[in-house]
PDB file of N, CA and C in Angstrom:
ATOM      1  N   UNK A   1      15.950 -32.427 -12.982  1.00  0.00           N
ATOM      2  CA  UNK A   1      15.378 -33.837 -13.176  1.00  0.00           C
ATOM      3  C   UNK A   1      15.511 -34.786 -11.833  1.00  0.00           C
ATOM      4  N   UNK A   2      15.914 -33.556 -10.878  1.00  0.00           N
ATOM      5  CA  UNK A   2      16.407 -34.644  -9.649  1.00  0.00           C
ATOM      6  C   UNK A   2      15.240 -34.387  -8.758  1.00  0.00           C
ATOM      7  N   UNK A   3      14.867 -32.637  -8.744  1.00  0.00           N
ATOM      8  CA  UNK A   3      13.509 -32.190  -8.161  1.00  0.00           C
ATOM      9  C   UNK A   3      12.329 -32.589  -8.917  1.00  0.00           C
ATOM     10  N   UNK A   4      11.796 -33.161  -9.434  1.00  0.00           N
ATOM     11  CA  UNK A   4      10.997 -33.637 -10.221  1.00  0.00           C
ATOM     12  C   UNK A   4      10.582 -35.413  -9.465  1.00  0.00           C
ATOM     13  N   UNK A   5      11.732 -35.744 -10.049  1.00  0.00           N
ATOM     14  CA  UNK A   5      12.462 -37.090  -9.188  1.00  0.00           C
ATOM     15  C   UNK A   5      12.091 -37.230  -8.128  1.00  0.00           C
ATOM     16  N   UNK A   6      12.469 -36.687  -7.364  1.00  0.00           N
ATOM     17  CA  UNK A   6      11.583 -36.592  -6.133  1.00  0.00           C
ATOM     18  C   UNK A   6      10.616 -36.418  -5.337  1.00  0.00           C
ATOM     19  N   UNK A   7       9.921 -35.672  -5.943  1.00  0.00           N
ATOM     20  CA  UNK A   7       8.553 -35.035  -5.718  1.00  0.00           C
ATOM     21  C   UNK A   7       7.846 -36.094  -6.375  1.00  0.00           C
ATOM     22  N   UNK A   8       8.041 -36.767  -7.514  1.00  0.00           N
ATOM     23  CA  UNK A   8       7.119 -37.784  -7.936  1.00  0.00           C
ATOM     24  C   UNK A   8       7.381 -39.037  -7.584  1.00  0.00           C
ATOM     25  N   UNK A   9       8.580 -39.621  -6.717  1.00  0.00           N
ATOM     26  CA  UNK A   9       9.330 -40.759  -6.023  1.00  0.00           C
ATOM     27  C   UNK A   9       7.847 -40.564  -4.338  1.00  0.00           C
ATOM     28  N   UNK A  10       7.967 -39.117  -4.022  1.00  0.00           N
ATOM     29  CA  UNK A  10       7.751 -38.788  -2.592  1.00  0.00           C
ATOM     30  C   UNK A  10       6.425 -38.953  -2.945  1.00  0.00           C
ATOM     31  N   UNK A  11       5.376 -38.132  -3.694  1.00  0.00           N
ATOM     32  CA  UNK A  11       3.828 -38.486  -3.931  1.00  0.00           C
ATOM     33  C   UNK A  11       3.313 -40.233  -4.235  1.00  0.00           C
ATOM     34  N   UNK A  12       4.194 -40.627  -5.090  1.00  0.00           N
ATOM     35  CA  UNK A  12       3.839 -42.307  -4.943  1.00  0.00           C
ATOM     36  C   UNK A  12       3.953 -42.509  -3.527  1.00  0.00           C
ATOM     37  N   UNK A  13       4.932 -42.868  -2.811  1.00  0.00           N
ATOM     38  CA  UNK A  13       5.215 -43.237  -1.674  1.00  0.00           C
ATOM     39  C   UNK A  13       4.255 -42.820  -0.896  1.00  0.00           C
ATOM     40  N   UNK A  14       3.345 -41.510  -0.868  1.00  0.00           N
ATOM     41  CA  UNK A  14       2.159 -41.419   0.049  1.00  0.00           C
ATOM     42  C   UNK A  14       1.234 -42.161  -0.275  1.00  0.00           C
ATOM     43  N   UNK A  15       0.950 -41.814  -2.266  1.00  0.00           N
ATOM     44  CA  UNK A  15      -0.159 -42.245  -2.107  1.00  0.00           C
ATOM     45  C   UNK A  15      -0.967 -43.932  -1.831  1.00  0.00           C
ATOM     46  N   UNK A  16       0.634 -44.656  -2.509  1.00  0.00           N
ATOM     47  CA  UNK A  16       0.424 -46.350  -1.304  1.00  0.00           C
ATOM     48  C   UNK A  16       0.441 -46.427   0.112  1.00  0.00           C
ATOM     49  N   UNK A  17       1.390 -45.414   0.257  1.00  0.00           N
ATOM     50  CA  UNK A  17       0.877 -45.314   1.900  1.00  0.00           C
ATOM     51  C   UNK A  17      -0.231 -44.916   2.645  1.00  0.00           C
ATOM     52  N   UNK A  18      -1.406 -44.477   1.764  1.00  0.00           N
ATOM     53  CA  UNK A  18      -2.300 -43.823   2.311  1.00  0.00           C
ATOM     54  C   UNK A  18      -4.057 -45.159   1.791  1.00  0.00           C
ATOM     55  N   UNK A  19      -3.345 -45.584   0.632  1.00  0.00           N
ATOM     56  CA  UNK A  19      -3.608 -46.592   0.463  1.00  0.00           C
ATOM     57  C   UNK A  19      -3.959 -48.138   1.766  1.00  0.00           C
ATOM     58  N   UNK A  20      -2.226 -47.822   1.892  1.00  0.00           N
ATOM     59  CA  UNK A  20      -2.533 -49.084   2.773  1.00  0.00           C
ATOM     60  C   UNK A  20      -2.898 -48.465   4.782  1.00  0.00           C
ATOM     61  N   UNK A  21      -2.611 -47.742   4.578  1.00  0.00           N
ATOM     62  CA  UNK A  21      -3.216 -47.129   6.347  1.00  0.00           C
ATOM     63  C   UNK A  21      -4.912 -46.806   6.443  1.00  0.00           C
ATOM     64  N   UNK A  22      -5.378 -46.862   5.048  1.00  0.00           N
ATOM     65  CA  UNK A  22      -7.420 -46.902   5.032  1.00  0.00           C
ATOM     66  C   UNK A  22      -7.304 -48.106   4.827  1.00  0.00           C
ATOM     67  N   UNK A  23      -6.614 -48.668   4.144  1.00  0.00           N
ATOM     68  CA  UNK A  23      -6.901 -50.568   4.116  1.00  0.00           C
ATOM     69  C   UNK A  23      -6.593 -50.674   5.705  1.00  0.00           C
ATOM     70  N   UNK A  24      -6.813 -50.346   6.701  1.00  0.00           N
ATOM     71  CA  UNK A  24      -6.141 -51.007   7.678  1.00  0.00           C
ATOM     72  C   UNK A  24      -7.349 -50.348   8.907  1.00  0.00           C
ATOM     73  N   UNK A  25      -7.859 -48.850   8.640  1.00  0.00           N
ATOM     74  CA  UNK A  25      -8.462 -48.731   8.994  1.00  0.00           C
ATOM     75  C   UNK A  25     -10.238 -48.898   9.731  1.00  0.00           C
ATOM     76  N   UNK A  26     -11.065 -48.675  10.865  1.00  0.00           N
ATOM     77  CA  UNK A  26     -12.081 -49.168  11.137  1.00  0.00           C
ATOM     78  C   UNK A  26     -12.997 -48.082  10.462  1.00  0.00           C
ATOM     79  N   UNK A  27     -13.021 -47.690   8.957  1.00  0.00           N
ATOM     80  CA  UNK A  27     -13.915 -46.501   8.863  1.00  0.00           C
ATOM     81  C   UNK A  27     -14.193 -46.947   7.099  1.00  0.00           C
ATOM     82  N   UNK A  28     -15.124 -46.070   6.979  1.00  0.00           N
ATOM     83  CA  UNK A  28     -15.661 -46.685   4.938  1.00  0.00           C
ATOM     84  C   UNK A  28     -14.932 -46.306   4.717  1.00  0.00           C
ATOM     85  N   UNK A  29     -14.336 -47.249   3.978  1.00  0.00           N
ATOM     86  CA  UNK A  29     -12.873 -47.284   2.969  1.00  0.00           C
ATOM     87  C   UNK A  29     -12.811 -46.663   1.718  1.00  0.00           C
ATOM     88  N   UNK A  30     -14.519 -46.706   1.013  1.00  0.00           N
ATOM     89  CA  UNK A  30     -14.591 -46.009   0.535  1.00  0.00           C
ATOM     90  C   UNK A  30     -14.801 -44.616   0.146  1.00  0.00           C
ATOM     91  N   UNK A  31     -15.486 -44.071   1.226  1.00  0.00           N
ATOM     92  CA  UNK A  31     -15.171 -42.964   1.079  1.00  0.00           C
ATOM     93  C   UNK A  31     -14.098 -41.991   1.346  1.00  0.00           C
ATOM     94  N   UNK A  32     -13.234 -42.781   2.171  1.00  0.00           N
ATOM     95  CA  UNK A  32     -11.963 -42.314   2.938  1.00  0.00           C
ATOM     96  C   UNK A  32     -11.007 -42.312   1.451  1.00  0.00           C
ATOM     97  N   UNK A  33     -11.327 -43.233   0.712  1.00  0.00           N
ATOM     98  CA  UNK A  33     -10.406 -43.355   0.234  1.00  0.00           C
ATOM     99  C   UNK A  33     -11.189 -41.776  -1.292  1.00  0.00           C
ATOM    100  N   UNK A  34     -12.431 -41.710  -1.549  1.00  0.00           N
ATOM    101  CA  UNK A  34     -13.245 -40.909  -1.687  1.00  0.00           C
ATOM    102  C   UNK A  34     -12.625 -39.757  -1.859  1.00  0.00           C
ATOM    103  N   UNK A  35     -12.362 -39.090  -0.150  1.00  0.00           N
ATOM    104  CA  UNK A  35     -11.978 -38.156  -0.191  1.00  0.00           C
ATOM    105  C   UNK A  35     -10.155 -37.996   0.015  1.00  0.00           C
ATOM    106  N   UNK A  36      -9.739 -38.803  -0.120  1.00  0.00           N
ATOM    107  CA  UNK A  36      -8.642 -38.603  -0.198  1.00  0.00           C
ATOM    108  C   UNK A  36      -8.540 -38.613  -1.983  1.00  0.00           C
ATOM    109  N   UNK A  37      -8.733 -38.724  -2.919  1.00  0.00           N
ATOM    110  CA  UNK A  37      -9.030 -38.917  -4.011  1.00  0.00           C
ATOM    111  C   UNK A  37      -9.191 -37.154  -4.301  1.00  0.00           C
ATOM    112  N   UNK A  38     -10.270 -37.093  -3.791  1.00  0.00           N
ATOM    113  CA  UNK A  38     -10.965 -35.244  -4.251  1.00  0.00           C
ATOM    114  C   UNK A  38      -9.361 -34.222  -3.705  1.00  0.00           C
ATOM    115  N   UNK A  39      -9.127 -35.010  -2.611  1.00  0.00           N
ATOM    116  CA  UNK A  39      -7.738 -33.648  -2.471  1.00  0.00           C
ATOM    117  C   UNK A  39      -6.618 -33.638  -3.216  1.00  0.00           C
ATOM    118  N   UNK A  40      -6.292 -35.420  -3.400  1.00  0.00           N
ATOM    119  CA  UNK A  40      -5.164 -34.487  -4.116  1.00  0.00           C
ATOM    120  C   UNK A  40      -5.159 -34.257  -5.564  1.00  0.00           C
ATOM    121  N   UNK A  41      -7.108 -34.188  -6.042  1.00  0.00           N
ATOM    122  CA  UNK A  41      -6.818 -33.288  -7.689  1.00  0.00           C
ATOM    123  C   UNK A  41      -6.980 -31.741  -7.078  1.00  0.00           C
ATOM    124  N   UNK A  42      -8.006 -31.406  -5.859  1.00  0.00           N
ATOM    125  CA  UNK A  42      -7.552 -30.268  -5.850  1.00  0.00           C
ATOM    126  C   UNK A  42      -6.142 -29.401  -5.641  1.00  0.00           C
ATOM    127  N   UNK A  43      -4.793 -30.430  -4.449  1.00  0.00           N
ATOM    128  CA  UNK A  43      -3.966 -30.297  -4.913  1.00  0.00           C
ATOM    129  C   UNK A  43      -3.249 -30.031  -5.894  1.00  0.00           C
ATOM    130  N   UNK A  44      -4.043 -30.845  -6.416  1.00  0.00           N
ATOM    131  CA  UNK A  44      -2.381 -31.005  -7.998  1.00  0.00           C
ATOM    132  C   UNK A  44      -3.624 -29.682  -8.654  1.00  0.00           C
ATOM    133  N   UNK A  45      -5.050 -28.844  -8.618  1.00  0.00           N
ATOM    134  CA  UNK A  45      -5.326 -28.033  -9.303  1.00  0.00           C
ATOM    135  C   UNK A  45      -4.459 -26.518  -8.929  1.00  0.00           C
ATOM    136  N   UNK A  46      -4.517 -27.048  -8.282  1.00  0.00           N
ATOM    137  CA  UNK A  46      -3.942 -25.671  -7.162  1.00  0.00           C
ATOM    138  C   UNK A  46      -2.890 -24.978  -6.891  1.00  0.00           C
ATOM    139  N   UNK A  47      -2.157 -26.051  -6.904  1.00  0.00           N
ATOM    140  CA  UNK A  47      -1.032 -25.827  -6.815  1.00  0.00           C
ATOM    141  C   UNK A  47      -0.018 -24.816  -7.602  1.00  0.00           C
ATOM    142  N   UNK A  48      -0.082 -25.411  -9.405  1.00  0.00           N
ATOM    143  CA  UNK A  48       1.011 -24.597 -10.535  1.00  0.00           C
ATOM    144  C   UNK A  48      -0.568 -23.148  -9.465  1.00  0.00           C
ATOM    145  N   UNK A  49      -1.364 -22.656  -9.482  1.00  0.00           N
ATOM    146  CA  UNK A  49      -1.616 -21.541  -9.241  1.00  0.00           C
ATOM    147  C   UNK A  49      -0.791 -20.909  -7.989  1.00  0.00           C
ATOM    148  N   UNK A  50      -0.927 -21.644  -6.851  1.00  0.00           N
ATOM    149  CA  UNK A  50      -0.669 -21.133  -5.992  1.00  0.00           C
ATOM    150  C   UNK A  50       1.251 -20.651  -6.094  1.00  0.00           C
ATOM    151  N   UNK A  51       1.853 -21.762  -6.906  1.00  0.00           N
ATOM    152  CA  UNK A  51       3.085 -21.646  -7.157  1.00  0.00           C
ATOM    153  C   UNK A  51       3.762 -20.438  -8.311  1.00  0.00           C
ATOM    154  N   UNK A  52       2.410 -20.521  -9.290  1.00  0.00           N
ATOM    155  CA  UNK A  52       2.454 -19.017 -10.127  1.00  0.00           C
ATOM    156  C   UNK A  52       2.690 -17.809  -9.283  1.00  0.00           C
ATOM    157  N   UNK A  53       1.704 -17.806  -8.138  1.00  0.00           N
ATOM    158  CA  UNK A  53       2.067 -16.034  -7.469  1.00  0.00           C
ATOM    159  C   UNK A  53       3.266 -16.199  -6.719  1.00  0.00           C
ATOM    160  N   UNK A  54       4.153 -17.030  -6.460  1.00  0.00           N
ATOM    161  CA  UNK A  54       5.725 -17.125  -5.928  1.00  0.00           C
ATOM    162  C   UNK A  54       6.240 -17.019  -6.568  1.00  0.00           C
ATOM    163  N   UNK A  55       6.318 -17.355  -7.805  1.00  0.00           N
ATOM    164  CA  UNK A  55       7.399 -17.604  -9.139  1.00  0.00           C
ATOM    165  C   UNK A  55       7.480 -15.698  -8.589  1.00  0.00           C
ATOM    166  N   UNK A  56       6.986 -14.948  -8.846  1.00  0.00           N
ATOM    167  CA  UNK A  56       7.735 -13.543  -8.809  1.00  0.00           C
ATOM    168  C   UNK A  56       8.786 -12.977  -7.790  1.00  0.00           C
ATOM    169  N   UNK A  57       8.357 -13.485  -6.106  1.00  0.00           N
ATOM    170  CA  UNK A  57       9.504 -13.689  -5.501  1.00  0.00           C
ATOM    171  C   UNK A  57      10.742 -14.982  -5.706  1.00  0.00           C
ATOM    172  N   UNK A  58      10.632 -15.698  -6.208  1.00  0.00           N
ATOM    173  CA  UNK A  58      10.924 -17.184  -5.056  1.00  0.00           C
ATOM    174  C   UNK A  58      11.755 -17.845  -6.703  1.00  0.00           C
ATOM    175  N   UNK A  59      12.441 -17.964  -7.122  1.00  0.00           N
ATOM    176  CA  UNK A  59      13.113 -18.380  -8.295  1.00  0.00           C
ATOM    177  C   UNK A  59      12.952 -20.191  -8.664  1.00  0.00           C
ATOM    178  N   UNK A  60      12.480 -20.733  -9.990  1.00  0.00           N
ATOM    179  CA  UNK A  60      12.116 -22.790  -9.542  1.00  0.00           C
ATOM    180  C   UNK A  60      13.075 -23.404  -8.454  1.00  0.00           C
ATOM    181  N   UNK A  61      13.866 -23.171  -8.681  1.00  0.00           N
ATOM    182  CA  UNK A  61      14.877 -24.303  -7.969  1.00  0.00           C
ATOM    183  C   UNK A  61      14.627 -23.622  -5.972  1.00  0.00           C
ATOM    184  N   UNK A  62      14.216 -22.973  -5.648  1.00  0.00           N
ATOM    185  CA  UNK A  62      13.839 -22.435  -4.107  1.00  0.00           C
ATOM    186  C   UNK A  62      12.608 -23.178  -4.098  1.00  0.00           C
ATOM    187  N   UNK A  63      11.745 -23.184  -5.478  1.00  0.00           N
ATOM    188  CA  UNK A  63      10.689 -23.758  -5.365  1.00  0.00           C
ATOM    189  C   UNK A  63      10.041 -25.292  -4.996  1.00  0.00           C
ATOM    190  N   UNK A  64      11.063 -25.700  -5.593  1.00  0.00           N
ATOM    191  CA  UNK A  64      11.508 -27.250  -5.572  1.00  0.00           C
ATOM    192  C   UNK A  64      11.671 -27.333  -4.148  1.00  0.00           C
ATOM    193  N   UNK A  65      13.092 -26.666  -4.097  1.00  0.00           N
ATOM    194  CA  UNK A  65      13.426 -27.009  -2.839  1.00  0.00           C
ATOM    195  C   UNK A  65      12.563 -26.695  -1.546  1.00  0.00           C
ATOM    196  N   UNK A  66      11.541 -25.877  -1.617  1.00  0.00           N
ATOM    197  CA  UNK A  66      10.342 -26.021  -0.583  1.00  0.00           C
ATOM    198  C   UNK A  66       9.593 -27.104  -0.265  1.00  0.00           C
ATOM    199  N   UNK A  67       9.754 -27.552  -1.657  1.00  0.00           N
ATOM    200  CA  UNK A  67       7.976 -28.781  -1.825  1.00  0.00           C
ATOM    201  C   UNK A  67       8.683 -30.102  -1.610  1.00  0.00           C
ATOM    202  N   UNK A  68      10.255 -29.949  -2.021  1.00  0.00           N
ATOM    203  CA  UNK A  68      10.741 -30.990  -1.177  1.00  0.00           C
ATOM    204  C   UNK A  68      10.892 -31.412   0.647  1.00  0.00           C
ATOM    205  N   UNK A  69      11.443 -29.990   1.028  1.00  0.00           N
ATOM    206  CA  UNK A  69      11.443 -30.076   2.163  1.00  0.00           C
ATOM    207  C   UNK A  69       9.864 -30.155   2.731  1.00  0.00           C
ATOM    208  N   UNK A  70       8.861 -29.337   2.413  1.00  0.00           N
ATOM    209  CA  UNK A  70       7.559 -29.979   2.675  1.00  0.00           C
ATOM    210  C   UNK A  70       6.964 -31.241   2.546  1.00  0.00           C
ATOM    211  N   UNK A  71       7.207 -31.902   1.989  1.00  0.00           N
ATOM    212  CA  UNK A  71       7.150 -32.946   1.944  1.00  0.00           C
ATOM    213  C   UNK A  71       8.385 -34.831   2.883  1.00  0.00           C
ATOM    214  N   UNK A  72       9.699 -33.702   3.099  1.00  0.00           N
ATOM    215  CA  UNK A  72      10.435 -34.453   4.014  1.00  0.00           C
ATOM    216  C   UNK A  72       9.951 -34.635   5.558  1.00  0.00           C
ATOM    217  N   UNK A  73       9.360 -33.228   5.471  1.00  0.00           N
ATOM    218  CA  UNK A  73       8.778 -33.328   6.807  1.00  0.00           C
ATOM    219  C   UNK A  73       7.125 -33.608   7.024  1.00  0.00           C
ATOM    220  N   UNK A  74       7.133 -34.200   6.090  1.00  0.00           N
ATOM    221  CA  UNK A  74       5.715 -35.039   6.563  1.00  0.00           C
ATOM    222  C   UNK A  74       5.605 -36.307   6.482  1.00  0.00           C
ATOM    223  N   UNK A  75       7.263 -36.622   5.552  1.00  0.00           N
ATOM    224  CA  UNK A  75       7.400 -38.003   6.033  1.00  0.00           C
ATOM    225  C   UNK A  75       8.239 -38.705   7.327  1.00  0.00           C
ATOM    226  N   UNK A  76       8.765 -37.713   7.700  1.00  0.00           N
ATOM    227  CA  UNK A  76       9.577 -37.291   9.072  1.00  0.00           C
ATOM    228  C   UNK A  76       8.390 -37.605  10.220  1.00  0.00           C
ATOM    229  N   UNK A  77       7.559 -36.274  10.076  1.00  0.00           N
ATOM    230  CA  UNK A  77       5.905 -36.742  11.441  1.00  0.00           C
ATOM    231  C   UNK A  77       5.331 -37.815  10.591  1.00  0.00           C
ATOM    232  N   UNK A  78       5.427 -38.417  10.231  1.00  0.00           N
ATOM    233  CA  UNK A  78       4.646 -39.769  10.115  1.00  0.00           C
ATOM    234  C   UNK A  78       5.482 -41.225  10.581  1.00  0.00           C
ATOM    235  N   UNK A  79       6.417 -40.888  10.395  1.00  0.00           N
ATOM    236  CA  UNK A  79       7.483 -42.084  11.327  1.00  0.00           C
ATOM    237  C   UNK A  79       7.604 -41.641  12.598  1.00  0.00           C
TER     238      UNK A  79
END
């Protein structure tokens, strides 16, 4: 449950943060949000496939930890 909560919360923060960042950009905001939504849905489509490939080598718990670490690194680099 902790893994689902942290991944869901992190992705929610990232989604809201990107929308706020796009609001401050000097670019076509509709195009930027369109690209963002496309990449979000592409990631949601391909992530289970990629995780399925790694599940033969790694346990579910380690995959959750790896995803959480990737999310944490992204948040730290943004700061």
